[in-house]
């Protein structure tokens, strides 16, 4: 079945270990019986962002996710490594998340009010009790405001130069 994303669901790995967790997640999801993606991973999310801000794609956007029961054919799943019940995302993770959200929201015409924590669809603290329900949407919007302010300043300098 084809995934037609109209929302983005953000998760945390709930793992405080410091090493890159992508292959740890892959093994865990394989053991849980998650389907292998066309890319070759068992990771149920479409993307994983490590603490350094590196983004790894685990599934094609059009592939059914395996991250949120009842939402896997209408969403993109993004997981940030870390346990945000006890720690906060790194600045690098926030920057990468903002850029990834910008790209996905633009590509699929997803508005900021359709960016959710996993807990919006399941009784869990995910993406962590240290973050409010609108944290990810706010990260995206703050980046967009900064980008638009830069464009506005450039336009103003062009007008003033004439």
N, C-alpha and C. Protein backbone atom coordinates (compact mmCIF):
# COMPACT_ATOMS: atom_id res chain seq x y z
N UNK A 1 0.84 -1.18 0.00
CA UNK A 1 0.00 0.00 0.00
C UNK A 1 0.89 1.24 0.00
N UNK A 2 0.38 2.30 -0.57
CA UNK A 2 1.14 3.54 -0.68
C UNK A 2 0.82 4.51 0.44
N UNK A 3 1.85 5.06 1.03
CA UNK A 3 1.71 6.08 2.06
C UNK A 3 1.45 7.42 1.37
N UNK A 4 0.41 8.11 1.78
CA UNK A 4 0.10 9.46 1.28
C UNK A 4 0.15 10.38 2.49
N UNK A 5 1.33 11.00 2.73
CA UNK A 5 1.50 11.78 3.97
C UNK A 5 0.67 13.06 4.00
N UNK A 6 -0.09 13.22 5.09
CA UNK A 6 -0.80 14.47 5.33
C UNK A 6 -0.50 15.00 6.74
N UNK A 7 0.42 14.31 7.41
CA UNK A 7 0.86 14.73 8.75
C UNK A 7 2.25 14.16 8.99
N UNK A 8 2.91 14.72 10.00
CA UNK A 8 4.23 14.24 10.40
C UNK A 8 4.16 13.91 11.89
N UNK A 9 4.66 12.75 12.24
CA UNK A 9 4.64 12.31 13.63
C UNK A 9 6.08 12.16 14.11
N UNK A 10 6.40 12.87 15.18
CA UNK A 10 7.76 12.92 15.70
C UNK A 10 7.85 12.05 16.95
N UNK A 11 8.94 11.29 17.02
CA UNK A 11 9.19 10.34 18.11
C UNK A 11 10.56 10.60 18.72
N UNK A 12 10.79 10.00 19.88
CA UNK A 12 12.16 9.91 20.41
C UNK A 12 12.46 8.43 20.56
N UNK A 13 13.74 8.09 20.59
CA UNK A 13 14.10 6.67 20.71
C UNK A 13 13.92 6.16 22.14
N UNK A 14 13.77 7.08 23.10
CA UNK A 14 13.64 6.73 24.52
C UNK A 14 14.87 5.98 25.03
N UNK A 15 16.01 6.28 24.40
CA UNK A 15 17.27 5.62 24.74
C UNK A 15 18.31 6.71 25.01
N UNK A 16 18.85 6.72 26.20
CA UNK A 16 19.83 7.75 26.57
C UNK A 16 21.26 7.42 26.19
N UNK A 17 21.50 6.23 25.62
CA UNK A 17 22.88 5.87 25.26
C UNK A 17 23.44 6.87 24.25
N UNK A 18 24.75 7.09 24.32
CA UNK A 18 25.37 8.16 23.55
C UNK A 18 25.76 7.78 22.12
N UNK A 19 25.95 6.54 21.81
CA UNK A 19 26.37 6.16 20.46
C UNK A 19 25.24 6.32 19.46
N UNK A 20 25.60 6.27 18.18
CA UNK A 20 24.59 6.31 17.12
C UNK A 20 23.66 5.12 17.30
N UNK A 21 22.36 5.37 17.28
CA UNK A 21 21.38 4.33 17.61
C UNK A 21 20.66 3.72 16.41
N UNK A 22 20.98 4.17 15.20
CA UNK A 22 20.21 3.72 14.03
C UNK A 22 20.16 2.19 13.93
N UNK A 23 21.31 1.54 14.00
CA UNK A 23 21.32 0.09 13.83
C UNK A 23 20.74 -0.64 15.04
N UNK A 24 20.81 -0.01 16.18
CA UNK A 24 20.17 -0.55 17.39
C UNK A 24 18.64 -0.54 17.19
N UNK A 25 18.12 0.57 16.65
CA UNK A 25 16.68 0.66 16.36
C UNK A 25 16.31 -0.36 15.29
N UNK A 26 17.15 -0.49 14.27
CA UNK A 26 16.89 -1.45 13.19
C UNK A 26 16.78 -2.87 13.74
N UNK A 27 17.71 -3.24 14.61
CA UNK A 27 17.68 -4.59 15.21
C UNK A 27 16.42 -4.77 16.06
N UNK A 28 16.11 -3.78 16.87
CA UNK A 28 14.93 -3.85 17.74
C UNK A 28 13.65 -3.99 16.92
N UNK A 29 13.53 -3.22 15.85
CA UNK A 29 12.32 -3.28 15.02
C UNK A 29 12.26 -4.59 14.24
N UNK A 30 13.40 -5.14 13.82
CA UNK A 30 13.42 -6.45 13.15
C UNK A 30 12.92 -7.52 14.11
N UNK A 31 13.43 -7.46 15.35
CA UNK A 31 13.01 -8.44 16.36
C UNK A 31 11.53 -8.34 16.68
N UNK A 32 10.95 -7.16 16.52
CA UNK A 32 9.52 -6.96 16.77
C UNK A 32 8.67 -7.34 15.55
N UNK A 33 9.32 -7.70 14.45
CA UNK A 33 8.60 -8.16 13.26
C UNK A 33 8.18 -7.06 12.30
N UNK A 34 8.81 -5.89 12.39
CA UNK A 34 8.47 -4.80 11.48
C UNK A 34 8.88 -5.19 10.06
N UNK A 35 8.14 -4.74 9.06
CA UNK A 35 8.49 -5.09 7.68
C UNK A 35 9.75 -4.36 7.21
N UNK A 36 10.52 -5.04 6.38
CA UNK A 36 11.74 -4.45 5.82
C UNK A 36 11.35 -3.42 4.77
N UNK A 37 12.02 -2.28 4.81
CA UNK A 37 11.72 -1.21 3.85
C UNK A 37 12.36 -1.51 2.51
N UNK A 38 11.94 -0.78 1.50
CA UNK A 38 12.53 -0.90 0.17
C UNK A 38 14.00 -0.52 0.19
N UNK A 39 14.39 0.29 1.17
CA UNK A 39 15.78 0.72 1.30
C UNK A 39 16.62 -0.38 1.97
N UNK A 40 15.96 -1.29 2.69
CA UNK A 40 16.66 -2.41 3.30
C UNK A 40 16.74 -2.42 4.80
N UNK A 41 15.97 -1.54 5.45
CA UNK A 41 15.99 -1.47 6.91
C UNK A 41 14.66 -1.92 7.49
N UNK A 42 14.69 -2.31 8.77
CA UNK A 42 13.47 -2.66 9.49
C UNK A 42 12.96 -1.49 10.31
N UNK A 43 13.73 -0.42 10.39
CA UNK A 43 13.34 0.78 11.13
C UNK A 43 11.96 1.23 10.65
N UNK A 44 11.05 1.44 11.59
CA UNK A 44 9.68 1.80 11.24
C UNK A 44 9.48 3.25 10.88
N UNK A 45 10.44 4.10 11.23
CA UNK A 45 10.35 5.54 10.93
C UNK A 45 10.86 5.79 9.51
N UNK A 46 10.46 6.89 8.94
CA UNK A 46 11.00 7.27 7.64
C UNK A 46 12.39 7.88 7.78
N UNK A 47 12.61 8.57 8.91
CA UNK A 47 13.90 9.23 9.16
C UNK A 47 14.29 9.07 10.62
N UNK A 48 15.60 9.02 10.86
CA UNK A 48 16.14 9.03 12.22
C UNK A 48 17.20 10.13 12.27
N UNK A 49 17.14 10.97 13.31
CA UNK A 49 18.10 12.05 13.49
C UNK A 49 18.93 11.75 14.73
N UNK A 50 20.26 11.60 14.55
CA UNK A 50 21.11 11.31 15.70
C UNK A 50 21.48 12.59 16.43
N UNK A 51 22.20 12.44 17.53
CA UNK A 51 22.53 13.60 18.38
C UNK A 51 23.39 14.64 17.68
N UNK A 52 24.15 14.21 16.67
CA UNK A 52 25.00 15.14 15.91
C UNK A 52 24.20 15.88 14.83
N UNK A 53 22.93 15.50 14.68
CA UNK A 53 22.08 16.14 13.68
C UNK A 53 22.09 15.43 12.34
N UNK A 54 22.77 14.30 12.24
CA UNK A 54 22.79 13.55 10.99
C UNK A 54 21.45 12.86 10.79
N UNK A 55 20.92 12.99 9.59
CA UNK A 55 19.62 12.41 9.26
C UNK A 55 19.86 11.16 8.42
N UNK A 56 19.26 10.05 8.83
CA UNK A 56 19.33 8.82 8.07
C UNK A 56 17.93 8.45 7.62
N UNK A 57 17.79 8.22 6.32
CA UNK A 57 16.50 7.79 5.77
C UNK A 57 16.40 6.27 5.95
N UNK A 58 15.27 5.82 6.48
CA UNK A 58 15.05 4.39 6.68
C UNK A 58 13.97 3.83 5.75
N UNK A 59 13.07 4.70 5.29
CA UNK A 59 11.99 4.29 4.39
C UNK A 59 11.76 5.40 3.37
N UNK A 60 11.31 5.01 2.21
CA UNK A 60 10.90 6.00 1.22
C UNK A 60 9.62 6.67 1.73
N UNK A 61 9.42 7.92 1.35
CA UNK A 61 8.23 8.66 1.80
C UNK A 61 6.94 7.94 1.46
N UNK A 62 6.91 7.28 0.33
CA UNK A 62 5.68 6.62 -0.14
C UNK A 62 5.46 5.24 0.49
N UNK A 63 6.45 4.77 1.26
CA UNK A 63 6.30 3.47 1.91
C UNK A 63 5.48 3.60 3.19
N UNK A 64 4.71 2.57 3.47
CA UNK A 64 3.98 2.52 4.74
C UNK A 64 4.98 2.52 5.88
N UNK A 65 4.74 3.38 6.86
CA UNK A 65 5.59 3.40 8.04
C UNK A 65 5.21 2.29 8.99
N UNK A 66 5.97 2.16 10.06
CA UNK A 66 5.67 1.21 11.12
C UNK A 66 6.01 1.91 12.43
N UNK A 67 5.37 3.07 12.64
CA UNK A 67 5.72 3.90 13.80
C UNK A 67 4.54 4.34 14.63
N UNK A 68 3.33 4.40 14.06
CA UNK A 68 2.17 4.86 14.81
C UNK A 68 0.94 4.11 14.32
N UNK A 69 0.42 3.21 15.14
CA UNK A 69 -0.73 2.40 14.75
C UNK A 69 -1.88 3.30 14.29
N UNK A 70 -2.43 2.99 13.13
CA UNK A 70 -3.56 3.72 12.58
C UNK A 70 -3.17 4.94 11.76
N UNK A 71 -1.87 5.29 11.73
CA UNK A 71 -1.42 6.50 11.01
C UNK A 71 -0.33 6.20 9.98
N UNK A 72 0.03 4.96 9.79
CA UNK A 72 1.19 4.62 8.99
C UNK A 72 1.01 4.76 7.48
N UNK A 73 -0.21 4.96 7.02
CA UNK A 73 -0.46 5.18 5.60
C UNK A 73 -0.84 6.63 5.31
N UNK A 74 -0.70 7.50 6.31
CA UNK A 74 -1.05 8.91 6.11
C UNK A 74 -0.06 9.84 6.79
N UNK A 75 1.15 9.34 7.07
CA UNK A 75 2.10 10.16 7.82
C UNK A 75 3.54 9.81 7.48
N UNK A 76 4.41 10.73 7.86
CA UNK A 76 5.84 10.47 7.85
C UNK A 76 6.28 10.40 9.30
N UNK A 77 7.09 9.41 9.64
CA UNK A 77 7.60 9.26 11.00
C UNK A 77 9.04 9.70 11.09
N UNK A 78 9.32 10.55 12.06
CA UNK A 78 10.68 11.03 12.31
C UNK A 78 11.03 10.70 13.75
N UNK A 79 12.18 10.05 13.95
CA UNK A 79 12.64 9.71 15.30
C UNK A 79 13.93 10.46 15.60
N UNK A 80 13.96 11.10 16.76
CA UNK A 80 15.19 11.72 17.25
C UNK A 80 15.77 10.81 18.32
N UNK A 81 17.07 10.54 18.20
CA UNK A 81 17.72 9.70 19.19
C UNK A 81 17.81 10.45 20.52
N UNK A 82 17.50 9.75 21.60
CA UNK A 82 17.56 10.32 22.93
C UNK A 82 16.30 10.02 23.71
N UNK A 83 16.38 10.24 25.00
CA UNK A 83 15.23 10.03 25.88
C UNK A 83 14.81 11.40 26.41
N UNK A 84 13.79 11.98 25.79
CA UNK A 84 13.39 13.34 26.12
C UNK A 84 12.42 13.39 27.30
N UNK A 85 12.35 12.28 28.04
CA UNK A 85 11.75 12.30 29.37
C UNK A 85 12.80 12.78 30.37
N UNK A 86 14.09 12.58 30.05
CA UNK A 86 15.17 12.89 30.99
C UNK A 86 16.22 13.85 30.44
N UNK A 87 16.18 14.17 29.16
CA UNK A 87 17.14 15.06 28.52
C UNK A 87 16.42 15.83 27.42
N UNK A 88 17.10 16.79 26.83
CA UNK A 88 16.53 17.57 25.73
C UNK A 88 17.27 17.25 24.45
N UNK A 89 16.64 17.46 23.31
CA UNK A 89 17.34 17.25 22.03
C UNK A 89 18.53 18.20 21.93
N UNK A 90 19.53 17.78 21.18
CA UNK A 90 20.69 18.64 20.96
C UNK A 90 20.31 19.76 19.99
N UNK A 91 21.10 20.82 20.03
CA UNK A 91 20.88 21.94 19.10
C UNK A 91 20.99 21.44 17.65
N UNK A 92 21.94 20.53 17.40
CA UNK A 92 22.10 19.98 16.05
C UNK A 92 20.86 19.19 15.63
N UNK A 93 20.25 18.45 16.56
CA UNK A 93 19.03 17.72 16.24
C UNK A 93 17.90 18.68 15.89
N UNK A 94 17.78 19.76 16.67
CA UNK A 94 16.72 20.75 16.40
C UNK A 94 16.90 21.37 15.02
N UNK A 95 18.13 21.73 14.67
CA UNK A 95 18.39 22.33 13.36
C UNK A 95 18.05 21.36 12.23
N UNK A 96 18.48 20.13 12.39
CA UNK A 96 18.19 19.13 11.35
C UNK A 96 16.70 18.85 11.26
N UNK A 97 16.04 18.77 12.41
CA UNK A 97 14.60 18.56 12.41
C UNK A 97 13.89 19.70 11.69
N UNK A 98 14.28 20.94 11.98
CA UNK A 98 13.65 22.10 11.34
C UNK A 98 13.79 22.03 9.82
N UNK A 99 14.99 21.70 9.35
CA UNK A 99 15.21 21.61 7.89
C UNK A 99 14.45 20.45 7.27
N UNK A 100 14.43 19.32 7.96
CA UNK A 100 13.70 18.16 7.45
C UNK A 100 12.20 18.46 7.41
N UNK A 101 11.68 19.06 8.47
CA UNK A 101 10.26 19.43 8.48
C UNK A 101 9.94 20.41 7.37
N UNK A 102 10.82 21.39 7.17
CA UNK A 102 10.59 22.36 6.09
C UNK A 102 10.46 21.64 4.75
N UNK A 103 11.39 20.75 4.47
CA UNK A 103 11.36 20.03 3.20
C UNK A 103 10.12 19.17 3.05
N UNK A 104 9.76 18.45 4.08
CA UNK A 104 8.61 17.54 4.00
C UNK A 104 7.29 18.32 3.98
N UNK A 105 7.20 19.38 4.78
CA UNK A 105 5.97 20.19 4.78
C UNK A 105 5.78 20.86 3.42
N UNK A 106 6.86 21.34 2.84
CA UNK A 106 6.76 21.98 1.52
C UNK A 106 6.39 20.95 0.46
N UNK A 107 7.06 19.83 0.46
CA UNK A 107 6.84 18.79 -0.55
C UNK A 107 5.41 18.25 -0.52
N UNK A 108 4.87 18.03 0.67
CA UNK A 108 3.55 17.39 0.80
C UNK A 108 2.46 18.36 1.24
N UNK A 109 2.77 19.66 1.27
CA UNK A 109 1.78 20.69 1.65
C UNK A 109 1.17 20.39 3.02
N UNK A 110 2.03 20.04 3.96
CA UNK A 110 1.60 19.73 5.32
C UNK A 110 1.74 20.99 6.16
N UNK A 111 0.65 21.49 6.75
CA UNK A 111 0.75 22.68 7.60
C UNK A 111 1.34 22.34 8.97
N UNK A 112 1.86 23.35 9.63
CA UNK A 112 2.51 23.16 10.94
C UNK A 112 1.59 22.52 11.96
N UNK A 113 0.27 22.76 11.86
CA UNK A 113 -0.64 22.17 12.85
C UNK A 113 -0.89 20.68 12.60
N UNK A 114 -0.18 20.12 11.61
CA UNK A 114 -0.25 18.69 11.36
C UNK A 114 1.08 18.00 11.67
N UNK A 115 1.86 18.64 12.52
CA UNK A 115 3.10 18.05 13.06
C UNK A 115 2.79 17.68 14.51
N UNK A 116 2.88 16.38 14.81
CA UNK A 116 2.43 15.88 16.10
C UNK A 116 3.51 15.08 16.82
N UNK A 117 3.42 15.03 18.16
CA UNK A 117 4.21 14.04 18.89
C UNK A 117 3.48 12.70 18.80
N UNK A 118 4.21 11.61 18.94
CA UNK A 118 3.62 10.28 18.91
C UNK A 118 2.47 10.16 19.91
N UNK A 119 2.61 10.83 21.07
CA UNK A 119 1.61 10.71 22.13
C UNK A 119 0.23 11.24 21.73
N UNK A 120 0.15 11.98 20.63
CA UNK A 120 -1.16 12.45 20.17
C UNK A 120 -2.02 11.30 19.67
N UNK A 121 -1.39 10.15 19.42
CA UNK A 121 -2.11 9.00 18.86
C UNK A 121 -2.02 7.74 19.70
N UNK A 122 -1.29 7.81 20.81
CA UNK A 122 -1.11 6.63 21.66
C UNK A 122 -0.83 7.08 23.08
N UNK A 123 -1.20 6.26 24.04
CA UNK A 123 -0.95 6.57 25.45
C UNK A 123 0.53 6.31 25.77
N UNK A 124 1.36 7.32 25.48
CA UNK A 124 2.80 7.25 25.70
C UNK A 124 3.30 8.66 25.97
N UNK A 125 4.49 8.80 26.52
CA UNK A 125 5.05 10.15 26.70
C UNK A 125 5.78 10.61 25.44
N UNK A 126 5.97 9.73 24.49
CA UNK A 126 6.76 9.99 23.28
C UNK A 126 6.25 11.22 22.52
N UNK A 127 6.99 12.15 22.24
CA UNK A 127 8.41 12.32 22.09
C UNK A 127 9.13 12.84 23.33
N UNK A 128 8.57 12.54 24.48
CA UNK A 128 9.23 12.87 25.73
C UNK A 128 8.49 13.91 26.54
N UNK A 129 8.39 13.66 27.85
CA UNK A 129 7.67 14.56 28.74
C UNK A 129 8.39 15.89 28.94
N UNK A 130 9.66 15.97 28.54
CA UNK A 130 10.40 17.23 28.64
C UNK A 130 10.06 18.23 27.54
N UNK A 131 9.23 17.80 26.59
CA UNK A 131 8.84 18.64 25.45
C UNK A 131 7.33 18.75 25.37
N UNK A 132 6.82 19.95 25.11
CA UNK A 132 5.36 20.10 25.02
C UNK A 132 4.86 19.60 23.66
N UNK A 133 3.55 19.52 23.53
CA UNK A 133 2.94 18.96 22.32
C UNK A 133 3.27 19.73 21.05
N UNK A 134 3.61 21.00 21.17
CA UNK A 134 3.86 21.82 19.98
C UNK A 134 5.33 22.12 19.77
N UNK A 135 6.21 21.43 20.49
CA UNK A 135 7.65 21.67 20.36
C UNK A 135 8.14 21.51 18.92
N UNK A 136 7.84 20.40 18.27
CA UNK A 136 8.35 20.16 16.91
C UNK A 136 7.78 21.18 15.93
N UNK A 137 6.50 21.48 16.03
CA UNK A 137 5.91 22.49 15.14
C UNK A 137 6.56 23.85 15.38
N UNK A 138 6.85 24.16 16.63
CA UNK A 138 7.49 25.44 16.96
C UNK A 138 8.92 25.50 16.39
N UNK A 139 9.66 24.39 16.47
CA UNK A 139 11.01 24.33 15.90
C UNK A 139 10.94 24.64 14.41
N UNK A 140 9.98 24.05 13.73
CA UNK A 140 9.78 24.29 12.30
C UNK A 140 9.41 25.75 12.04
N UNK A 141 8.44 26.27 12.77
CA UNK A 141 7.97 27.64 12.52
C UNK A 141 9.03 28.69 12.85
N UNK A 142 9.79 28.47 13.90
CA UNK A 142 10.86 29.43 14.23
C UNK A 142 11.89 29.49 13.12
N UNK A 143 12.22 28.36 12.54
CA UNK A 143 13.15 28.32 11.41
C UNK A 143 12.56 29.03 10.19
N UNK A 144 11.28 28.82 9.96
CA UNK A 144 10.60 29.47 8.83
C UNK A 144 10.55 30.99 9.01
N UNK A 145 10.28 31.44 10.22
CA UNK A 145 10.25 32.88 10.50
C UNK A 145 11.63 33.49 10.24
N UNK A 146 12.68 32.82 10.72
CA UNK A 146 14.04 33.33 10.50
C UNK A 146 14.36 33.38 9.00
N UNK A 147 13.95 32.37 8.27
CA UNK A 147 14.19 32.33 6.82
C UNK A 147 13.46 33.47 6.12
N UNK A 148 12.21 33.69 6.50
CA UNK A 148 11.42 34.75 5.87
C UNK A 148 11.94 36.13 6.24
N UNK A 149 12.43 36.28 7.46
CA UNK A 149 13.02 37.56 7.87
C UNK A 149 14.26 37.88 7.03
N UNK A 150 15.05 36.87 6.74
CA UNK A 150 16.23 37.05 5.91
C UNK A 150 15.83 37.49 4.51
N UNK A 151 14.79 36.89 3.97
CA UNK A 151 14.30 37.28 2.64
C UNK A 151 13.78 38.71 2.67
N UNK A 152 13.04 39.05 3.70
CA UNK A 152 12.50 40.40 3.82
C UNK A 152 13.62 41.45 3.90
N UNK A 153 14.65 41.16 4.66
CA UNK A 153 15.79 42.08 4.76
C UNK A 153 16.45 42.26 3.39
N UNK A 154 16.61 41.16 2.66
CA UNK A 154 17.21 41.24 1.33
C UNK A 154 16.35 42.10 0.41
N UNK A 155 15.03 41.90 0.45
CA UNK A 155 14.13 42.70 -0.39
C UNK A 155 14.23 44.18 -0.02
N UNK A 156 14.28 44.45 1.27
CA UNK A 156 14.38 45.86 1.72
C UNK A 156 15.69 46.49 1.25
N UNK A 157 16.78 45.74 1.28
CA UNK A 157 18.06 46.30 0.79
C UNK A 157 18.01 46.55 -0.71
N UNK A 158 17.30 45.72 -1.44
CA UNK A 158 17.16 45.92 -2.89
C UNK A 158 16.33 47.17 -3.20
N UNK A 159 15.28 47.37 -2.42
CA UNK A 159 14.42 48.56 -2.61
C UNK A 159 15.21 49.81 -2.25
N UNK A 160 15.95 49.77 -1.14
CA UNK A 160 16.72 50.93 -0.70
C UNK A 160 17.88 51.25 -1.62
N UNK A 161 18.37 50.27 -2.35
CA UNK A 161 19.49 50.49 -3.26
C UNK A 161 19.06 51.21 -4.53
N UNK A 162 17.79 51.28 -4.80
CA UNK A 162 17.30 51.90 -6.04
C UNK A 162 17.10 53.38 -5.89
